[in-house]
N, C-alpha and C. Protein backbone atom coordinates (compact mmCIF):
# COMPACT_ATOMS: atom_id res chain seq x y z
N MET A 1 0.53 -1.05 0.16
CA MET A 1 0.03 0.09 0.12
C MET A 1 0.72 1.50 0.20
N THR A 2 0.49 2.21 -0.91
CA THR A 2 1.12 3.69 -0.71
C THR A 2 1.12 4.06 0.05
N ARG A 3 2.37 4.45 0.56
CA ARG A 3 1.98 5.57 1.95
C ARG A 3 1.60 7.03 1.12
N ILE A 4 0.74 7.54 1.97
CA ILE A 4 0.81 9.09 1.18
C ILE A 4 1.57 10.02 2.06
N THR A 5 2.10 10.95 1.40
CA THR A 5 2.83 12.15 2.03
C THR A 5 2.10 13.18 2.02
N VAL A 6 1.60 13.53 3.15
CA VAL A 6 1.53 14.93 3.47
C VAL A 6 2.07 16.09 3.50
N GLY A 7 1.68 17.45 2.87
CA GLY A 7 2.58 18.30 3.40
C GLY A 7 1.79 19.52 3.74
N LEU A 8 2.70 20.59 3.96
CA LEU A 8 1.73 21.80 4.22
C LEU A 8 1.79 23.16 2.98
N THR A 9 0.43 24.02 3.16
CA THR A 9 1.16 25.20 2.23
C THR A 9 0.50 26.59 3.37
N PHE A 10 1.18 27.55 2.99
CA PHE A 10 0.24 28.68 3.50
C PHE A 10 0.92 30.04 2.52
N SER A 11 0.41 31.26 2.71
CA SER A 11 0.41 32.49 2.13
C SER A 11 1.19 33.43 2.86
N GLU A 12 2.04 34.54 2.03
CA GLU A 12 2.67 35.15 3.01
C GLU A 12 2.58 36.73 2.38
N THR A 13 2.40 37.35 2.77
CA THR A 13 2.68 39.58 2.15
C THR A 13 3.09 39.88 2.95
N MET A 14 4.53 40.41 2.40
CA MET A 14 5.45 41.45 2.63
C MET A 14 5.49 42.50 2.06
N ALA A 15 5.75 43.65 2.50
CA ALA A 15 6.22 44.29 1.66
C ALA A 15 6.49 46.39 2.69
N GLY A 16 7.33 46.69 1.64
CA GLY A 16 7.88 47.58 2.38
C GLY A 16 8.81 48.39 1.28
N ALA A 17 9.57 49.74 1.89
CA ALA A 17 10.21 50.78 1.39
C ALA A 17 11.56 50.18 0.40
N PHE A 18 11.62 50.36 -0.59
CA PHE A 18 12.50 49.42 -2.05
C PHE A 18 12.95 50.57 -2.58
N ALA A 19 14.46 50.29 -3.38
CA ALA A 19 14.99 51.46 -4.03
C ALA A 19 16.01 50.88 -5.55
N LEU A 20 16.04 51.54 -6.49
CA LEU A 20 16.53 50.82 -7.00
C LEU A 20 18.12 51.92 -7.05
N GLY A 21 19.06 51.35 -7.66
CA GLY A 21 20.28 51.49 -7.39
C GLY A 21 20.83 51.50 -5.94
N GLU A 22 20.17 50.91 -5.10
CA GLU A 22 21.23 50.75 -3.85
C GLU A 22 22.08 48.83 -3.95
N THR A 23 22.69 48.81 -2.80
CA THR A 23 22.65 47.14 -2.82
C THR A 23 22.30 47.14 -1.60
N ASP A 24 21.87 47.95 -0.80
CA ASP A 24 22.25 47.75 0.82
C ASP A 24 21.06 47.87 1.57
N PRO A 25 20.29 46.84 1.85
CA PRO A 25 18.95 46.93 2.03
C PRO A 25 18.70 48.18 3.23
N GLU A 26 19.04 48.11 4.29
CA GLU A 26 18.34 48.94 5.13
C GLU A 26 18.90 50.79 4.05
N ALA A 27 19.88 51.09 3.24
CA ALA A 27 20.11 52.63 2.70
C ALA A 27 19.20 52.18 1.44
N GLY A 28 18.35 50.75 0.96
CA GLY A 28 17.44 51.12 -0.14
C GLY A 28 16.04 51.44 0.64
N ARG A 29 15.99 51.24 2.02
CA ARG A 29 14.88 51.60 2.78
C ARG A 29 14.63 53.39 2.96
N ALA A 30 15.78 53.64 2.71
CA ALA A 30 16.32 54.64 3.30
C ALA A 30 16.10 55.62 2.38
N ARG A 31 16.20 55.30 1.21
CA ARG A 31 16.50 56.61 -0.14
C ARG A 31 14.95 56.19 -0.73
N ALA A 32 14.38 54.98 -0.47
CA ALA A 32 12.80 55.16 -1.25
C ALA A 32 11.77 55.70 -0.06
N ARG A 33 12.18 56.24 0.76
CA ARG A 33 10.90 57.35 1.61
C ARG A 33 11.17 58.30 1.11
N SER A 34 11.98 58.83 0.24
CA SER A 34 11.68 59.93 -0.57
C SER A 34 11.49 59.54 -1.96
N GLN A 35 11.50 58.64 -2.34
CA GLN A 35 11.26 58.15 -3.82
C GLN A 35 9.69 57.91 -4.10
N GLY A 36 9.64 57.09 -3.04
CA GLY A 36 8.28 56.44 -2.75
C GLY A 36 7.86 55.31 -3.20
N TYR A 37 8.68 54.57 -3.78
CA TYR A 37 8.86 53.49 -3.97
C TYR A 37 8.51 52.13 -3.09
N ARG A 38 7.02 51.19 -2.86
CA ARG A 38 7.33 49.99 -2.62
C ARG A 38 7.45 48.80 -3.51
N PHE A 39 7.99 47.72 -2.98
CA PHE A 39 7.77 46.86 -2.92
C PHE A 39 6.89 45.76 -2.19
N ALA A 40 6.40 44.76 -2.86
CA ALA A 40 5.84 43.41 -2.17
C ALA A 40 6.11 41.95 -2.58
N MET A 41 6.08 41.65 -1.62
CA MET A 41 5.49 39.88 -2.41
C MET A 41 4.56 39.10 -1.90
N HIS A 42 3.74 38.97 -2.41
CA HIS A 42 2.95 38.20 -2.21
C HIS A 42 3.15 36.90 -2.41
N GLY A 43 3.53 35.76 -1.63
CA GLY A 43 4.26 34.27 -1.95
C GLY A 43 3.24 32.85 -1.19
N THR A 44 3.04 32.21 -1.61
CA THR A 44 2.64 30.78 -1.64
C THR A 44 3.48 30.01 -1.26
N ILE A 45 4.08 29.37 -0.63
CA ILE A 45 5.11 28.27 0.32
C ILE A 45 4.67 26.74 -0.07
N GLU A 46 5.09 26.20 -0.27
CA GLU A 46 4.79 24.84 -0.71
C GLU A 46 5.77 23.83 0.05
N ILE A 47 5.17 23.06 0.92
CA ILE A 47 6.24 21.96 1.66
C ILE A 47 5.44 20.36 1.10
N GLU A 48 6.05 20.00 0.28
CA GLU A 48 5.53 18.94 -0.06
C GLU A 48 5.56 17.33 1.12
N ASN A 49 6.15 18.05 2.11
CA ASN A 49 6.51 16.53 2.34
C ASN A 49 6.85 17.27 4.01
N LEU A 50 6.13 17.26 4.90
CA LEU A 50 6.48 17.73 6.05
C LEU A 50 7.10 17.17 7.18
N ASP A 51 7.23 16.05 7.01
CA ASP A 51 8.43 15.23 7.56
C ASP A 51 9.73 15.08 7.55
N GLY A 52 10.09 15.43 6.14
CA GLY A 52 11.31 15.04 4.89
C GLY A 52 11.22 16.77 5.22
N PHE A 53 10.60 17.90 5.59
CA PHE A 53 10.84 19.31 5.59
C PHE A 53 11.61 19.18 6.91
N ILE A 54 10.90 18.50 7.91
CA ILE A 54 11.80 19.16 9.05
C ILE A 54 12.97 17.82 9.35
N ALA A 55 12.87 16.88 9.14
CA ALA A 55 13.85 16.52 9.24
C ALA A 55 15.40 16.83 8.87
N ASP A 56 15.54 17.74 7.06
CA ASP A 56 15.77 18.01 6.51
C ASP A 56 16.74 19.22 7.39
N PRO A 57 17.86 19.85 7.34
CA PRO A 57 18.92 20.70 8.54
C PRO A 57 18.07 21.77 7.73
N GLN A 58 18.48 22.29 6.47
CA GLN A 58 17.79 23.99 5.82
C GLN A 58 16.24 23.27 5.43
N HIS A 59 15.66 22.88 5.78
CA HIS A 59 14.25 23.30 6.23
C HIS A 59 13.79 24.12 4.67
N GLN A 60 13.71 22.91 3.67
CA GLN A 60 13.49 23.58 2.64
C GLN A 60 11.98 23.75 1.78
N GLY A 61 11.40 24.32 1.22
CA GLY A 61 10.41 24.43 0.44
C GLY A 61 10.27 25.55 -0.76
N ASN A 62 9.34 25.17 -0.98
CA ASN A 62 8.80 25.65 -2.93
C ASN A 62 8.16 26.81 -2.31
N LEU A 63 8.22 28.18 -3.06
CA LEU A 63 8.25 29.58 -3.31
C LEU A 63 7.60 30.19 -4.59
N GLN A 64 6.13 30.18 -4.74
CA GLN A 64 5.58 30.99 -5.82
C GLN A 64 4.88 31.76 -5.23
N GLY A 65 4.64 33.19 -6.30
CA GLY A 65 3.25 33.69 -5.73
C GLY A 65 3.77 35.15 -7.12
N THR A 66 3.22 36.29 -6.78
CA THR A 66 3.39 37.52 -7.48
C THR A 66 4.06 39.18 -6.92
N ILE A 67 4.90 39.67 -7.43
CA ILE A 67 5.51 40.81 -7.05
C ILE A 67 4.66 41.88 -7.46
N ASP A 68 4.62 43.10 -6.65
CA ASP A 68 4.12 44.56 -6.97
C ASP A 68 5.26 45.44 -6.78
N PHE A 69 6.19 46.35 -7.77
CA PHE A 69 7.22 47.33 -7.57
C PHE A 69 6.73 48.42 -8.04
N THR A 70 6.78 48.90 -7.80
CA THR A 70 6.37 50.42 -8.18
C THR A 70 6.90 50.83 -9.78
N PRO A 71 8.29 50.64 -10.32
CA PRO A 71 8.87 50.59 -11.46
C PRO A 71 8.42 49.89 -12.66
N LEU A 72 8.00 48.98 -11.32
CA LEU A 72 7.89 47.47 -12.61
C LEU A 72 6.05 47.15 -13.13
N GLY A 73 6.01 47.43 -11.93
CA GLY A 73 3.90 47.12 -12.11
C GLY A 73 3.33 46.60 -10.78
N ASP A 74 2.91 45.89 -10.85
CA ASP A 74 1.98 44.58 -10.25
C ASP A 74 1.35 43.72 -10.62
N GLN A 75 1.38 42.98 -9.50
CA GLN A 75 0.90 41.49 -10.02
C GLN A 75 1.55 40.60 -10.55
N ILE A 76 3.51 40.94 -10.88
CA ILE A 76 4.06 39.93 -11.82
C ILE A 76 4.10 38.83 -11.16
N SER A 77 3.60 38.20 -12.26
CA SER A 77 3.97 36.64 -11.75
C SER A 77 5.61 36.17 -11.49
N ALA A 78 5.53 35.06 -10.01
CA ALA A 78 6.86 35.14 -9.91
C ALA A 78 6.82 33.50 -9.51
N PRO A 79 6.74 32.68 -10.73
CA PRO A 79 6.12 30.82 -10.93
C PRO A 79 7.43 29.92 -9.84
N ARG A 80 8.77 30.41 -10.04
CA ARG A 80 9.61 29.94 -9.47
C ARG A 80 10.33 30.59 -8.52
N GLY A 81 10.95 29.75 -7.37
CA GLY A 81 11.20 29.99 -5.85
C GLY A 81 11.70 29.44 -4.94
N ARG A 82 12.72 29.98 -4.04
CA ARG A 82 12.49 29.03 -2.75
C ARG A 82 12.28 29.38 -1.94
N PHE A 83 12.16 28.74 -1.31
CA PHE A 83 11.81 28.96 0.86
C PHE A 83 12.60 28.05 1.29
N ALA A 84 12.74 28.17 3.02
CA ALA A 84 13.82 27.83 3.56
C ALA A 84 13.28 28.64 4.95
N LEU A 85 13.21 27.56 6.11
CA LEU A 85 12.73 28.10 7.35
C LEU A 85 14.05 27.50 8.37
N PHE A 86 14.26 28.47 9.08
CA PHE A 86 16.16 27.90 10.38
C PHE A 86 17.16 27.41 9.35
N ALA A 87 17.06 27.75 8.60
CA ALA A 87 18.57 27.44 7.78
C ALA A 87 19.54 27.85 8.85
N PRO A 88 20.41 26.49 8.76
CA PRO A 88 21.99 27.04 9.60
C PRO A 88 23.01 27.89 8.65
N THR A 89 23.53 28.74 9.48
CA THR A 89 24.63 29.75 8.78
C THR A 89 26.31 28.81 9.04
N GLU A 90 27.27 29.41 9.11
CA GLU A 90 28.58 29.69 9.57
C GLU A 90 28.61 30.01 11.04
N ASP A 91 27.47 30.71 11.20
CA ASP A 91 27.73 31.34 12.72
C ASP A 91 26.36 30.46 13.63
N PRO A 92 26.97 30.15 14.90
CA PRO A 92 25.97 29.04 15.63
C PRO A 92 25.07 29.59 15.88
N ASP A 93 24.88 31.71 15.85
CA ASP A 93 24.18 31.96 16.81
C ASP A 93 23.01 32.46 15.47
N LEU A 94 23.34 32.26 14.31
CA LEU A 94 22.15 32.87 13.77
C LEU A 94 21.97 31.83 12.28
N LYS A 95 20.66 32.02 12.26
CA LYS A 95 19.87 31.19 11.28
C LYS A 95 19.27 31.97 10.40
N LEU A 96 18.37 31.49 9.44
CA LEU A 96 18.07 32.51 8.33
C LEU A 96 16.74 32.13 7.77
N MET A 97 16.03 32.58 7.43
CA MET A 97 13.97 32.38 6.64
C MET A 97 14.41 33.14 5.60
N ILE A 98 14.68 32.37 4.68
CA ILE A 98 14.75 32.64 3.27
C ILE A 98 13.61 32.84 2.43
N TYR A 99 13.45 33.53 1.34
CA TYR A 99 12.65 33.49 0.17
C TYR A 99 13.12 34.30 -0.74
N GLU A 100 12.97 33.53 -1.83
CA GLU A 100 13.89 33.75 -3.33
C GLU A 100 12.83 33.95 -4.23
N LEU A 101 13.12 34.68 -5.12
CA LEU A 101 11.33 34.55 -6.17
C LEU A 101 11.91 34.81 -7.46
N GLY A 102 11.83 33.77 -8.70
CA GLY A 102 12.63 34.25 -10.02
C GLY A 102 11.12 34.95 -10.61
N PHE A 103 11.58 36.19 -12.00
CA PHE A 103 9.86 36.70 -12.83
C PHE A 103 10.99 37.14 -13.71
N GLU A 104 9.74 37.58 -14.86
CA GLU A 104 10.41 38.41 -15.69
C GLU A 104 8.75 39.44 -16.38
N HIS A 105 10.03 40.60 -15.78
CA HIS A 105 9.42 41.55 -16.99
C HIS A 105 9.86 41.98 -18.22
N GLU A 106 9.11 42.82 -19.28
CA GLU A 106 9.59 43.20 -20.58
C GLU A 106 10.49 42.28 -21.16
N GLY A 107 10.61 41.07 -21.14
CA GLY A 107 11.48 39.83 -21.69
C GLY A 107 12.93 40.16 -20.66
N ARG A 108 12.75 40.89 -19.55
CA ARG A 108 14.14 40.79 -18.66
C ARG A 108 13.95 40.03 -17.62
N GLU A 109 15.01 39.30 -17.20
CA GLU A 109 14.59 37.95 -15.93
C GLU A 109 15.30 39.03 -14.81
N TYR A 110 14.62 39.12 -13.51
CA TYR A 110 15.07 39.68 -12.20
C TYR A 110 15.17 37.93 -11.01
N TYR A 111 15.56 38.32 -10.29
CA TYR A 111 15.16 37.62 -8.72
C TYR A 111 15.75 38.15 -7.87
N MET A 112 14.30 38.00 -7.45
CA MET A 112 14.37 38.12 -5.72
C MET A 112 14.78 38.10 -4.40
N ALA A 113 16.06 38.15 -3.69
CA ALA A 113 16.34 37.34 -3.09
C ALA A 113 16.78 38.11 -1.37
N GLY A 114 15.41 37.75 -0.49
CA GLY A 114 15.07 37.54 0.72
C GLY A 114 16.06 37.13 1.88
N LYS A 115 16.23 37.76 2.94
CA LYS A 115 16.31 36.90 4.14
C LYS A 115 15.88 37.36 5.05
N LYS A 116 15.48 36.75 6.40
CA LYS A 116 14.75 37.12 7.69
C LYS A 116 16.12 36.35 8.85
N GLU A 117 16.84 37.31 9.47
CA GLU A 117 17.99 36.70 10.52
C GLU A 117 17.71 37.28 11.66
N VAL A 118 18.08 35.61 11.88
CA VAL A 118 16.80 34.87 13.38
C VAL A 118 18.60 34.74 13.76
N ARG A 119 18.88 35.41 14.91
CA ARG A 119 20.02 35.58 15.48
C ARG A 119 19.47 35.67 17.43
N ARG A 120 20.24 34.91 18.08
CA ARG A 120 20.19 34.22 19.40
C ARG A 120 20.30 35.50 19.63
N ALA A 121 19.95 35.68 20.86
CA ALA A 121 19.38 37.52 21.42
C ALA A 121 17.97 36.88 22.53
N SER A 122 18.05 38.89 22.50
CA SER A 122 17.21 38.77 24.10
C SER A 122 15.40 38.38 23.08
N ILE A 123 14.55 37.86 23.79
CA ILE A 123 13.04 37.15 23.13
C ILE A 123 12.80 38.67 23.11
N PHE A 124 13.42 40.00 23.17
CA PHE A 124 12.65 41.09 22.76
C PHE A 124 12.85 41.65 21.61
N ALA A 125 13.62 40.23 20.99
CA ALA A 125 14.28 40.69 19.45
C ALA A 125 13.41 40.05 18.98
N MET A 126 12.47 38.98 19.08
CA MET A 126 11.78 37.29 18.56
C MET A 126 11.05 38.83 16.96
N TRP A 127 9.73 39.12 17.60
CA TRP A 127 9.06 39.32 16.76
C TRP A 127 9.49 40.52 15.13
N ARG A 128 10.65 41.20 15.84
CA ARG A 128 11.57 42.23 14.65
C ARG A 128 11.84 41.16 13.70
N ALA A 129 12.81 40.13 14.19
CA ALA A 129 13.62 39.51 13.58
C ALA A 129 12.83 38.41 12.63
N THR A 130 11.48 37.56 13.16
CA THR A 130 10.93 36.86 12.15
C THR A 130 9.93 38.02 11.10
N THR A 131 9.73 39.25 11.46
CA THR A 131 9.27 39.77 10.56
C THR A 131 9.80 40.29 9.32
N THR A 132 10.81 40.96 9.62
CA THR A 132 11.87 41.89 8.53
C THR A 132 12.36 40.96 7.60
N LEU A 133 12.41 41.19 6.63
CA LEU A 133 12.95 40.14 5.95
C LEU A 133 13.85 41.83 4.43
N TYR A 134 15.68 41.24 4.85
CA TYR A 134 16.82 42.22 3.94
C TYR A 134 16.07 41.86 2.77
N THR A 135 16.05 43.07 1.74
CA THR A 135 15.98 42.09 0.29
C THR A 135 16.79 42.95 -1.00
N GLN A 136 17.35 41.58 -1.82
CA GLN A 136 18.03 42.75 -2.79
C GLN A 136 17.00 41.86 -4.48
N LEU A 137 17.30 42.89 -5.27
CA LEU A 137 17.05 42.66 -6.54
C LEU A 137 18.11 42.51 -7.33
N HIS A 138 17.85 41.15 -8.23
CA HIS A 138 19.45 40.90 -9.29
C HIS A 138 18.44 41.21 -10.59
N GLN A 139 19.04 41.73 -11.67
CA GLN A 139 18.98 41.67 -12.79
C GLN A 139 19.79 40.75 -13.78
N GLY A 140 18.78 39.71 -13.25
CA GLY A 140 19.35 37.89 -14.58
C GLY A 140 18.27 36.65 -13.43
N ALA A 141 18.61 35.75 -13.48
CA ALA A 141 18.11 34.49 -13.74
C ALA A 141 18.75 34.15 -12.23
N ASP A 142 19.39 34.36 -11.09
CA ASP A 142 19.70 34.49 -9.55
C ASP A 142 19.84 34.92 -9.25
N LYS A 143 21.38 34.71 -8.32
CA LYS A 143 21.65 35.48 -6.86
C LYS A 143 23.00 35.66 -7.46
N ALA A 144 24.18 35.22 -8.55
CA ALA A 144 24.85 35.74 -9.38
C ALA A 144 24.70 36.75 -9.67
N ALA A 145 23.28 37.44 -10.90
CA ALA A 145 23.15 38.30 -11.39
C ALA A 145 23.84 40.11 -10.11
N PRO A 146 24.14 40.88 -10.92
CA PRO A 146 23.86 42.20 -10.31
C PRO A 146 22.87 42.54 -9.41
N VAL A 147 22.82 43.23 -8.55
CA VAL A 147 22.37 44.29 -7.64
C VAL A 147 21.65 45.31 -8.30
N ILE A 148 20.79 45.20 -8.49
CA ILE A 148 20.07 46.52 -9.06
C ILE A 148 19.03 47.20 -7.61
N GLY A 149 18.51 47.06 -7.11
CA GLY A 149 17.81 47.60 -6.16
C GLY A 149 18.03 46.53 -4.59
N ALA A 150 17.23 47.47 -3.45
CA ALA A 150 17.76 46.63 -2.36
C ALA A 150 16.27 47.39 -1.48
N GLY A 151 16.00 46.93 -0.38
CA GLY A 151 14.82 47.68 0.62
C GLY A 151 14.94 46.75 1.78
N VAL A 152 13.64 46.68 2.72
CA VAL A 152 13.49 46.17 3.57
C VAL A 152 11.85 45.58 3.64
N LEU A 153 11.26 44.69 3.79
CA LEU A 153 10.04 44.16 3.60
C LEU A 153 9.34 43.97 4.42
N ARG A 154 8.38 44.34 5.73
CA ARG A 154 7.80 43.67 6.83
C ARG A 154 6.69 43.11 6.68
N LEU A 155 6.29 42.11 7.40
CA LEU A 155 4.86 41.01 7.80
C LEU A 155 4.69 42.08 8.92
N GLY A 156 3.42 42.58 8.83
CA GLY A 156 2.25 42.98 9.75
C GLY A 156 1.80 42.17 10.39
N VAL A 157 0.62 42.45 11.86
CA VAL A 157 -0.06 41.46 12.12
C VAL A 157 -1.21 41.77 11.34
N PRO A 158 -2.33 42.61 10.57
CA PRO A 158 -2.57 42.22 9.83
C PRO A 158 -2.18 40.70 8.50
N GLN A 159 -0.97 40.76 8.38
CA GLN A 159 -0.48 40.09 7.19
C GLN A 159 -0.15 38.88 8.02
N LEU A 160 0.12 38.98 9.27
CA LEU A 160 0.48 37.80 10.01
C LEU A 160 -0.75 36.85 10.22
N ALA A 161 -1.91 37.29 10.53
CA ALA A 161 -3.08 36.79 9.89
C ALA A 161 -3.65 36.15 8.93
N GLY A 162 -3.19 36.66 8.30
CA GLY A 162 -3.95 35.88 6.62
C GLY A 162 -3.31 35.28 6.63
N LEU A 163 -1.53 34.61 6.85
CA LEU A 163 -0.76 34.08 7.34
C LEU A 163 -1.71 32.66 7.48
N VAL A 164 -1.76 32.74 8.98
CA VAL A 164 -2.17 31.45 9.98
C VAL A 164 -3.57 30.89 9.45
N ALA A 165 -4.44 31.98 8.79
CA ALA A 165 -5.70 31.56 8.13
C ALA A 165 -5.68 30.51 6.98
N THR A 166 -4.19 30.33 6.22
CA THR A 166 -4.54 30.09 5.30
C THR A 166 -3.28 28.57 5.15
N LEU A 167 -3.53 28.55 6.54
CA LEU A 167 -2.31 27.58 6.59
C LEU A 167 -3.25 25.74 6.31
N HIS A 168 -2.48 25.04 5.96
CA HIS A 168 -3.79 24.26 5.89
C HIS A 168 -2.75 23.11 5.26
N ALA A 169 -2.82 21.28 5.50
CA ALA A 169 -2.07 20.39 5.38
C ALA A 169 -2.31 20.40 3.61
N THR A 170 -1.68 19.54 3.28
CA THR A 170 -2.47 19.27 1.27
C THR A 170 -1.66 16.68 1.67
N ASN A 171 -2.88 16.65 1.00
CA ASN A 171 -3.10 15.57 0.91
C ASN A 171 -3.44 14.58 2.76
N ALA A 172 -4.32 15.35 3.25
CA ALA A 172 -4.09 14.57 5.08
C ALA A 172 -5.46 14.10 4.36
N ALA A 173 -5.42 12.88 4.88
CA ALA A 173 -6.83 11.66 4.80
C ALA A 173 -8.16 12.88 5.48
N ASN A 174 -7.87 13.01 6.10
CA ASN A 174 -10.12 14.10 6.86
C ASN A 174 -9.15 14.97 8.19
N TRP A 175 -9.69 15.83 8.16
CA TRP A 175 -9.73 16.97 8.97
C TRP A 175 -8.68 16.97 10.17
N ARG A 176 -8.89 15.24 10.79
CA ARG A 176 -7.78 15.24 11.83
C ARG A 176 -6.24 15.05 11.52
N GLY A 177 -6.26 14.94 10.65
CA GLY A 177 -4.73 14.91 9.39
C GLY A 177 -4.07 16.35 9.66
N ASP A 178 -5.25 17.20 8.33
CA ASP A 178 -5.18 18.16 9.08
C ASP A 178 -5.09 19.55 10.09
N VAL A 179 -5.24 18.75 10.64
CA VAL A 179 -4.98 19.13 12.83
C VAL A 179 -4.24 18.81 12.48
N ALA A 180 -3.22 17.62 12.85
CA ALA A 180 -2.13 17.50 13.50
C ALA A 180 -1.34 17.38 12.64
N ALA A 181 -1.27 17.53 11.04
CA ALA A 181 0.17 18.15 10.27
C ALA A 181 0.23 19.93 10.45
N ARG A 182 -1.07 20.68 10.78
CA ARG A 182 -0.66 22.01 11.11
C ARG A 182 0.03 22.14 12.70
N MET A 183 -0.34 21.34 13.41
CA MET A 183 -0.09 21.39 14.57
C MET A 183 1.34 21.17 14.89
N ARG A 184 1.99 19.96 14.03
CA ARG A 184 3.33 19.72 13.98
C ARG A 184 3.92 20.37 13.73
N PHE A 185 3.96 21.30 12.82
CA PHE A 185 4.43 22.67 12.04
C PHE A 185 4.30 23.50 13.24
N ALA A 186 3.41 23.60 13.77
CA ALA A 186 3.58 24.71 14.93
C ALA A 186 4.75 24.09 16.31
N ARG A 187 4.37 23.32 16.22
CA ARG A 187 6.14 23.05 17.00
C ARG A 187 6.65 23.19 16.50
N PHE A 188 7.04 22.50 15.61
CA PHE A 188 8.50 22.51 14.93
C PHE A 188 9.42 24.19 15.02
N PHE A 189 8.25 25.14 14.69
CA PHE A 189 8.22 27.03 14.61
C PHE A 189 8.69 27.54 16.16
N ALA A 190 7.64 26.48 16.55
CA ALA A 190 7.77 27.42 18.47
C ALA A 190 9.22 26.92 18.85
N ALA A 191 9.01 25.50 18.79
CA ALA A 191 11.09 24.72 19.05
C ALA A 191 12.09 25.86 18.78
N GLU A 192 12.23 25.94 17.42
CA GLU A 192 13.24 26.74 16.90
C GLU A 192 13.68 28.06 17.63
N LEU A 193 11.95 28.94 17.91
CA LEU A 193 12.10 29.98 18.42
C LEU A 193 12.55 29.84 19.81
N TRP A 194 11.59 28.87 20.60
CA TRP A 194 12.54 28.61 22.02
C TRP A 194 13.71 28.56 21.80
N ASP A 195 14.09 27.90 21.17
CA ASP A 195 16.04 27.34 21.06
C ASP A 195 17.09 28.73 20.80
N THR A 196 16.20 29.43 20.05
CA THR A 196 16.68 30.60 19.95
C THR A 196 17.14 31.74 21.17
N TYR A 197 15.72 31.75 21.22
CA TYR A 197 15.16 32.94 22.76
C TYR A 197 15.13 32.50 24.04
N VAL A 198 14.78 31.42 24.28
CA VAL A 198 14.65 31.12 25.47
C VAL A 198 15.19 30.42 26.77
N ARG A 199 15.84 29.16 25.22
CA ARG A 199 16.39 27.55 26.48
C ARG A 199 17.86 28.28 27.23
N PRO A 200 17.08 27.59 28.43
CA PRO A 200 18.10 28.02 29.39
C PRO A 200 19.61 27.68 28.85
N GLY A 201 20.61 28.44 29.24
CA GLY A 201 21.97 28.26 29.14
C GLY A 201 22.22 28.88 28.03
N ARG A 202 21.54 29.32 27.48
CA ARG A 202 21.38 30.53 25.63
C ARG A 202 21.82 31.77 26.38
N ARG A 203 22.94 32.58 25.42
CA ARG A 203 23.12 33.96 25.89
C ARG A 203 22.19 34.84 25.54
N ASN A 204 22.22 35.70 26.85
CA ASN A 204 20.59 36.70 26.54
C ASN A 204 21.03 37.94 26.36
N VAL A 205 21.21 38.61 24.94
CA VAL A 205 21.93 39.61 24.38
C VAL A 205 20.59 40.73 24.54
N ALA A 206 20.53 41.78 24.77
CA ALA A 206 19.75 42.67 24.40
C ALA A 206 20.41 42.96 23.07
N VAL A 207 19.19 43.90 22.94
CA VAL A 207 19.16 44.79 21.61
C VAL A 207 18.57 45.93 21.59
N ASP A 208 18.87 47.19 20.32
CA ASP A 208 18.46 48.03 20.15
C ASP A 208 16.66 48.00 19.76
N SER A 209 16.29 48.48 19.76
CA SER A 209 14.80 48.56 19.48
C SER A 209 14.35 49.63 17.80
């Protein structure tokens, strides 16, 4: 008998100030305040195999969606992308949430590469770290292409509520299986946050607001 693989999917929208001609996200955000440019990512994350996702040290899934960016237009289809949740880095105190999307506009390829930096710190840093996406825009097929813009996108409280509402299991046999999958994902997410911000014996570093 073939075992059904249960997955998970959810949608997430992040938006913020973004500028062309910058490579540093913070500089792009500051410059965009005078330009008036906004960048929004409307993404759908698909985890095909929840068990495999949790077991994989990189915790990778698929990402697709649409892009809104003032100079290019709205609802630009971005059919290919990459997502990773709490991916480890060479720094043992730092894990990344990775959002990357490739898209085309007027015959040119672009690649959005964003990351949330989840760093061992005070618990008061948790909200900012998990809702702030430092983003660069490359003109080309991937991150090896030149950076032509940068900015900072954020996940607000309404967007977070929307994300939770879209969370559901795929290939679950019934509603109990759906609930079990969502709970397992929630436990994984909470355990990662606990390990970073709360676990006894960890360094508790205050950060500036």
